[in-house]
């Protein structure tokens, strides 16, 4: 596998640029998954949802099979601090 450099975009990054169109979007609000959404997804925990300026809602799931929700972690590499938006 080629070594990834600062100037290289791998296929996963390219997906978010081309398909998901997340680059350059603005987060307008943050909410939690609703009880109805939990039931529809068959999940036991409500995780955070980022609502973007174009109406797209971004959420975290625990794996690629969507077995349950996950948590968002915001990490600041400048001071080493993190904030966790937990599921409940």
N, C-alpha and C. Protein backbone atom coordinates (compact mmCIF):
# COMPACT_ATOMS: atom_id res chain seq x y z
N UNK A 1 0.85 -1.18 0.00
CA UNK A 1 0.00 0.00 0.00
C UNK A 1 0.90 1.24 0.00
N UNK A 2 0.60 2.21 -0.87
CA UNK A 2 1.44 3.40 -0.91
C UNK A 2 1.35 4.21 0.38
N UNK A 3 2.43 4.88 0.68
CA UNK A 3 2.47 5.73 1.86
C UNK A 3 1.64 6.99 1.59
N UNK A 4 0.80 7.33 2.53
CA UNK A 4 -0.04 8.52 2.39
C UNK A 4 0.77 9.75 2.78
N UNK A 5 0.80 10.72 1.91
CA UNK A 5 1.50 11.97 2.21
C UNK A 5 0.48 13.06 2.47
N UNK A 6 0.96 14.19 2.89
CA UNK A 6 0.12 15.34 3.17
C UNK A 6 -0.68 15.79 1.94
N UNK A 7 -0.09 15.61 0.77
CA UNK A 7 -0.71 16.09 -0.45
C UNK A 7 -1.57 15.05 -1.15
N UNK A 8 -1.71 13.86 -0.59
CA UNK A 8 -2.45 12.78 -1.22
C UNK A 8 -3.84 12.66 -0.60
N UNK A 9 -4.84 12.48 -1.45
CA UNK A 9 -6.20 12.24 -0.97
C UNK A 9 -6.52 10.79 -1.26
N UNK A 10 -6.83 10.00 -0.21
CA UNK A 10 -7.17 8.60 -0.45
C UNK A 10 -8.64 8.49 -0.83
N UNK A 11 -9.07 7.30 -1.22
CA UNK A 11 -10.42 7.10 -1.74
C UNK A 11 -11.50 7.42 -0.72
N UNK A 12 -11.23 7.19 0.56
CA UNK A 12 -12.23 7.51 1.59
C UNK A 12 -12.43 9.01 1.69
N UNK A 13 -11.35 9.76 1.67
CA UNK A 13 -11.46 11.22 1.71
C UNK A 13 -12.18 11.72 0.46
N UNK A 14 -11.86 11.14 -0.68
CA UNK A 14 -12.47 11.57 -1.94
C UNK A 14 -13.97 11.33 -1.92
N UNK A 15 -14.43 10.27 -1.25
CA UNK A 15 -15.86 10.00 -1.14
C UNK A 15 -16.57 11.18 -0.47
N UNK A 16 -16.01 11.66 0.62
CA UNK A 16 -16.65 12.76 1.34
C UNK A 16 -16.62 14.05 0.54
N UNK A 17 -15.62 14.21 -0.29
CA UNK A 17 -15.55 15.40 -1.14
C UNK A 17 -16.56 15.31 -2.28
N UNK A 18 -16.61 14.15 -2.95
CA UNK A 18 -17.45 13.99 -4.14
C UNK A 18 -18.89 13.61 -3.85
N UNK A 19 -19.10 12.65 -2.98
CA UNK A 19 -20.43 12.07 -2.79
C UNK A 19 -21.19 12.70 -1.63
N UNK A 20 -20.60 12.71 -0.47
CA UNK A 20 -21.31 13.21 0.71
C UNK A 20 -21.37 14.73 0.74
N UNK A 21 -20.48 15.37 0.00
CA UNK A 21 -20.45 16.84 -0.09
C UNK A 21 -20.45 17.51 1.27
N UNK A 22 -19.60 17.02 2.17
CA UNK A 22 -19.51 17.58 3.51
C UNK A 22 -18.48 18.70 3.61
N UNK A 23 -17.49 18.68 2.74
CA UNK A 23 -16.43 19.68 2.81
C UNK A 23 -17.00 21.06 2.52
N UNK A 24 -16.73 22.00 3.41
CA UNK A 24 -17.19 23.38 3.25
C UNK A 24 -18.56 23.66 3.81
N UNK A 25 -19.26 22.63 4.30
CA UNK A 25 -20.58 22.83 4.90
C UNK A 25 -20.43 23.48 6.26
N UNK A 26 -21.50 24.02 6.79
CA UNK A 26 -21.52 24.64 8.11
C UNK A 26 -22.48 23.88 9.00
N UNK A 27 -22.07 23.62 10.25
CA UNK A 27 -22.95 22.99 11.22
C UNK A 27 -23.89 24.06 11.75
N UNK A 28 -25.19 23.86 11.55
CA UNK A 28 -26.19 24.83 11.99
C UNK A 28 -26.74 24.50 13.37
N UNK A 29 -26.79 23.21 13.71
CA UNK A 29 -27.27 22.83 15.03
C UNK A 29 -26.81 21.41 15.35
N UNK A 30 -26.93 21.08 16.62
CA UNK A 30 -26.61 19.74 17.09
C UNK A 30 -27.81 19.28 17.91
N UNK A 31 -28.26 18.05 17.66
CA UNK A 31 -29.38 17.50 18.40
C UNK A 31 -29.07 16.04 18.70
N UNK A 32 -29.94 15.38 19.41
CA UNK A 32 -29.80 13.94 19.64
C UNK A 32 -30.84 13.19 18.81
N UNK A 33 -30.52 11.95 18.48
CA UNK A 33 -31.45 11.08 17.78
C UNK A 33 -32.73 10.98 18.61
N UNK A 34 -33.86 11.10 17.94
CA UNK A 34 -35.15 11.10 18.63
C UNK A 34 -35.59 9.67 18.99
N UNK A 35 -36.52 9.53 19.92
CA UNK A 35 -37.04 8.20 20.25
C UNK A 35 -37.61 7.47 19.02
N UNK A 36 -38.29 8.19 18.15
CA UNK A 36 -38.83 7.59 16.94
C UNK A 36 -37.72 7.09 16.02
N UNK A 37 -36.66 7.90 15.85
CA UNK A 37 -35.52 7.47 15.03
C UNK A 37 -34.84 6.25 15.65
N UNK A 38 -34.71 6.25 16.98
CA UNK A 38 -34.14 5.09 17.67
C UNK A 38 -34.92 3.82 17.35
N UNK A 39 -36.23 3.92 17.44
CA UNK A 39 -37.08 2.76 17.16
C UNK A 39 -36.93 2.30 15.72
N UNK A 40 -36.95 3.25 14.78
CA UNK A 40 -36.82 2.91 13.35
C UNK A 40 -35.48 2.24 13.04
N UNK A 41 -34.43 2.64 13.75
CA UNK A 41 -33.10 2.10 13.49
C UNK A 41 -32.82 0.84 14.32
N UNK A 42 -33.67 0.59 15.32
CA UNK A 42 -33.46 -0.57 16.18
C UNK A 42 -32.29 -0.39 17.14
N UNK A 43 -32.01 0.86 17.49
CA UNK A 43 -30.89 1.17 18.37
C UNK A 43 -31.36 1.30 19.81
N UNK A 44 -30.41 1.13 20.75
CA UNK A 44 -30.73 1.27 22.17
C UNK A 44 -30.23 2.58 22.77
N UNK A 45 -29.34 3.29 22.05
CA UNK A 45 -28.77 4.54 22.58
C UNK A 45 -28.94 5.66 21.57
N UNK A 46 -29.26 6.85 22.08
CA UNK A 46 -29.39 8.03 21.24
C UNK A 46 -28.06 8.76 21.19
N UNK A 47 -27.52 8.91 20.00
CA UNK A 47 -26.26 9.63 19.82
C UNK A 47 -26.51 11.01 19.23
N UNK A 48 -25.47 11.84 19.18
CA UNK A 48 -25.60 13.19 18.64
C UNK A 48 -25.75 13.20 17.12
N UNK A 49 -26.44 14.23 16.63
CA UNK A 49 -26.64 14.45 15.20
C UNK A 49 -26.20 15.87 14.88
N UNK A 50 -25.34 16.03 13.89
CA UNK A 50 -24.94 17.36 13.41
C UNK A 50 -25.85 17.70 12.24
N UNK A 51 -26.52 18.84 12.31
CA UNK A 51 -27.41 19.29 11.24
C UNK A 51 -26.67 20.37 10.46
N UNK A 52 -26.45 20.12 9.16
CA UNK A 52 -25.68 21.03 8.32
C UNK A 52 -26.57 22.07 7.66
N UNK A 53 -25.94 23.08 7.09
CA UNK A 53 -26.66 24.19 6.45
C UNK A 53 -27.48 23.76 5.24
N UNK A 54 -27.18 22.63 4.64
CA UNK A 54 -27.94 22.14 3.50
C UNK A 54 -29.00 21.11 3.90
N UNK A 55 -29.23 20.94 5.21
CA UNK A 55 -30.23 20.01 5.70
C UNK A 55 -29.74 18.59 5.94
N UNK A 56 -28.52 18.29 5.50
CA UNK A 56 -27.96 16.95 5.73
C UNK A 56 -27.72 16.78 7.22
N UNK A 57 -28.06 15.58 7.73
CA UNK A 57 -27.85 15.25 9.13
C UNK A 57 -26.76 14.19 9.22
N UNK A 58 -25.74 14.48 9.99
CA UNK A 58 -24.60 13.58 10.14
C UNK A 58 -24.63 12.99 11.55
N UNK A 59 -24.58 11.66 11.64
CA UNK A 59 -24.58 11.00 12.93
C UNK A 59 -23.56 9.88 12.93
N UNK A 60 -23.25 9.39 14.11
CA UNK A 60 -22.25 8.35 14.25
C UNK A 60 -22.93 7.05 14.63
N UNK A 61 -22.52 5.97 13.98
CA UNK A 61 -22.98 4.65 14.38
C UNK A 61 -21.78 3.84 14.83
N UNK A 62 -22.01 2.80 15.61
CA UNK A 62 -20.90 2.09 16.25
C UNK A 62 -20.09 1.25 15.26
N UNK A 63 -20.68 0.90 14.13
CA UNK A 63 -19.95 0.12 13.13
C UNK A 63 -20.62 0.30 11.78
N UNK A 64 -20.03 -0.29 10.75
CA UNK A 64 -20.58 -0.11 9.40
C UNK A 64 -21.85 -0.91 9.14
N UNK A 65 -22.26 -1.72 10.11
CA UNK A 65 -23.52 -2.46 9.99
C UNK A 65 -24.66 -1.76 10.72
N UNK A 66 -24.40 -0.60 11.29
CA UNK A 66 -25.40 0.22 11.99
C UNK A 66 -26.04 -0.51 13.16
N UNK A 67 -25.22 -1.19 13.97
CA UNK A 67 -25.73 -1.95 15.11
C UNK A 67 -26.17 -1.08 16.28
N UNK A 68 -25.65 0.12 16.42
CA UNK A 68 -26.07 1.04 17.47
C UNK A 68 -25.41 2.39 17.20
N UNK A 69 -25.77 3.39 18.00
CA UNK A 69 -25.18 4.71 17.82
C UNK A 69 -23.79 4.76 18.44
N UNK A 70 -23.10 5.85 18.20
CA UNK A 70 -21.78 6.05 18.76
C UNK A 70 -21.68 7.44 19.37
N UNK A 71 -20.48 7.87 19.65
CA UNK A 71 -20.25 9.18 20.23
C UNK A 71 -19.38 10.01 19.29
N UNK A 72 -19.51 11.31 19.40
CA UNK A 72 -18.63 12.23 18.68
C UNK A 72 -17.58 12.75 19.64
N UNK A 73 -16.36 12.82 19.16
CA UNK A 73 -15.27 13.36 19.96
C UNK A 73 -14.68 14.54 19.20
N UNK A 74 -14.59 15.68 19.86
CA UNK A 74 -13.92 16.85 19.30
C UNK A 74 -12.58 16.98 20.01
N UNK A 75 -11.50 16.90 19.24
CA UNK A 75 -10.16 16.94 19.81
C UNK A 75 -9.42 18.15 19.28
N UNK A 76 -8.81 18.91 20.18
CA UNK A 76 -8.01 20.07 19.80
C UNK A 76 -6.53 19.69 19.94
N UNK A 77 -5.84 19.46 18.81
CA UNK A 77 -4.44 19.05 18.89
C UNK A 77 -3.52 20.14 19.44
N UNK A 78 -3.97 21.38 19.44
CA UNK A 78 -3.13 22.47 19.94
C UNK A 78 -2.93 22.39 21.44
N UNK A 79 -4.01 22.03 22.17
CA UNK A 79 -3.87 21.97 23.62
C UNK A 79 -4.12 20.57 24.19
N UNK A 80 -4.43 19.60 23.31
CA UNK A 80 -4.63 18.23 23.75
C UNK A 80 -5.94 17.97 24.45
N UNK A 81 -6.85 18.94 24.43
CA UNK A 81 -8.14 18.78 25.11
C UNK A 81 -9.16 18.15 24.16
N UNK A 82 -10.11 17.41 24.76
CA UNK A 82 -11.17 16.82 23.97
C UNK A 82 -12.52 17.03 24.65
N UNK A 83 -13.54 17.03 23.85
CA UNK A 83 -14.90 17.09 24.35
C UNK A 83 -15.66 15.93 23.71
N UNK A 84 -16.38 15.17 24.52
CA UNK A 84 -17.11 14.01 24.03
C UNK A 84 -18.60 14.31 24.11
N UNK A 85 -19.30 14.15 22.98
CA UNK A 85 -20.75 14.25 22.94
C UNK A 85 -21.25 12.82 23.07
N UNK A 86 -21.68 12.41 24.26
CA UNK A 86 -21.97 11.00 24.53
C UNK A 86 -23.30 10.54 23.95
N UNK A 87 -23.45 9.23 23.85
CA UNK A 87 -24.77 8.65 23.57
C UNK A 87 -25.38 8.33 24.93
N UNK A 88 -26.70 8.20 24.95
CA UNK A 88 -27.36 7.88 26.22
C UNK A 88 -28.54 6.96 25.98
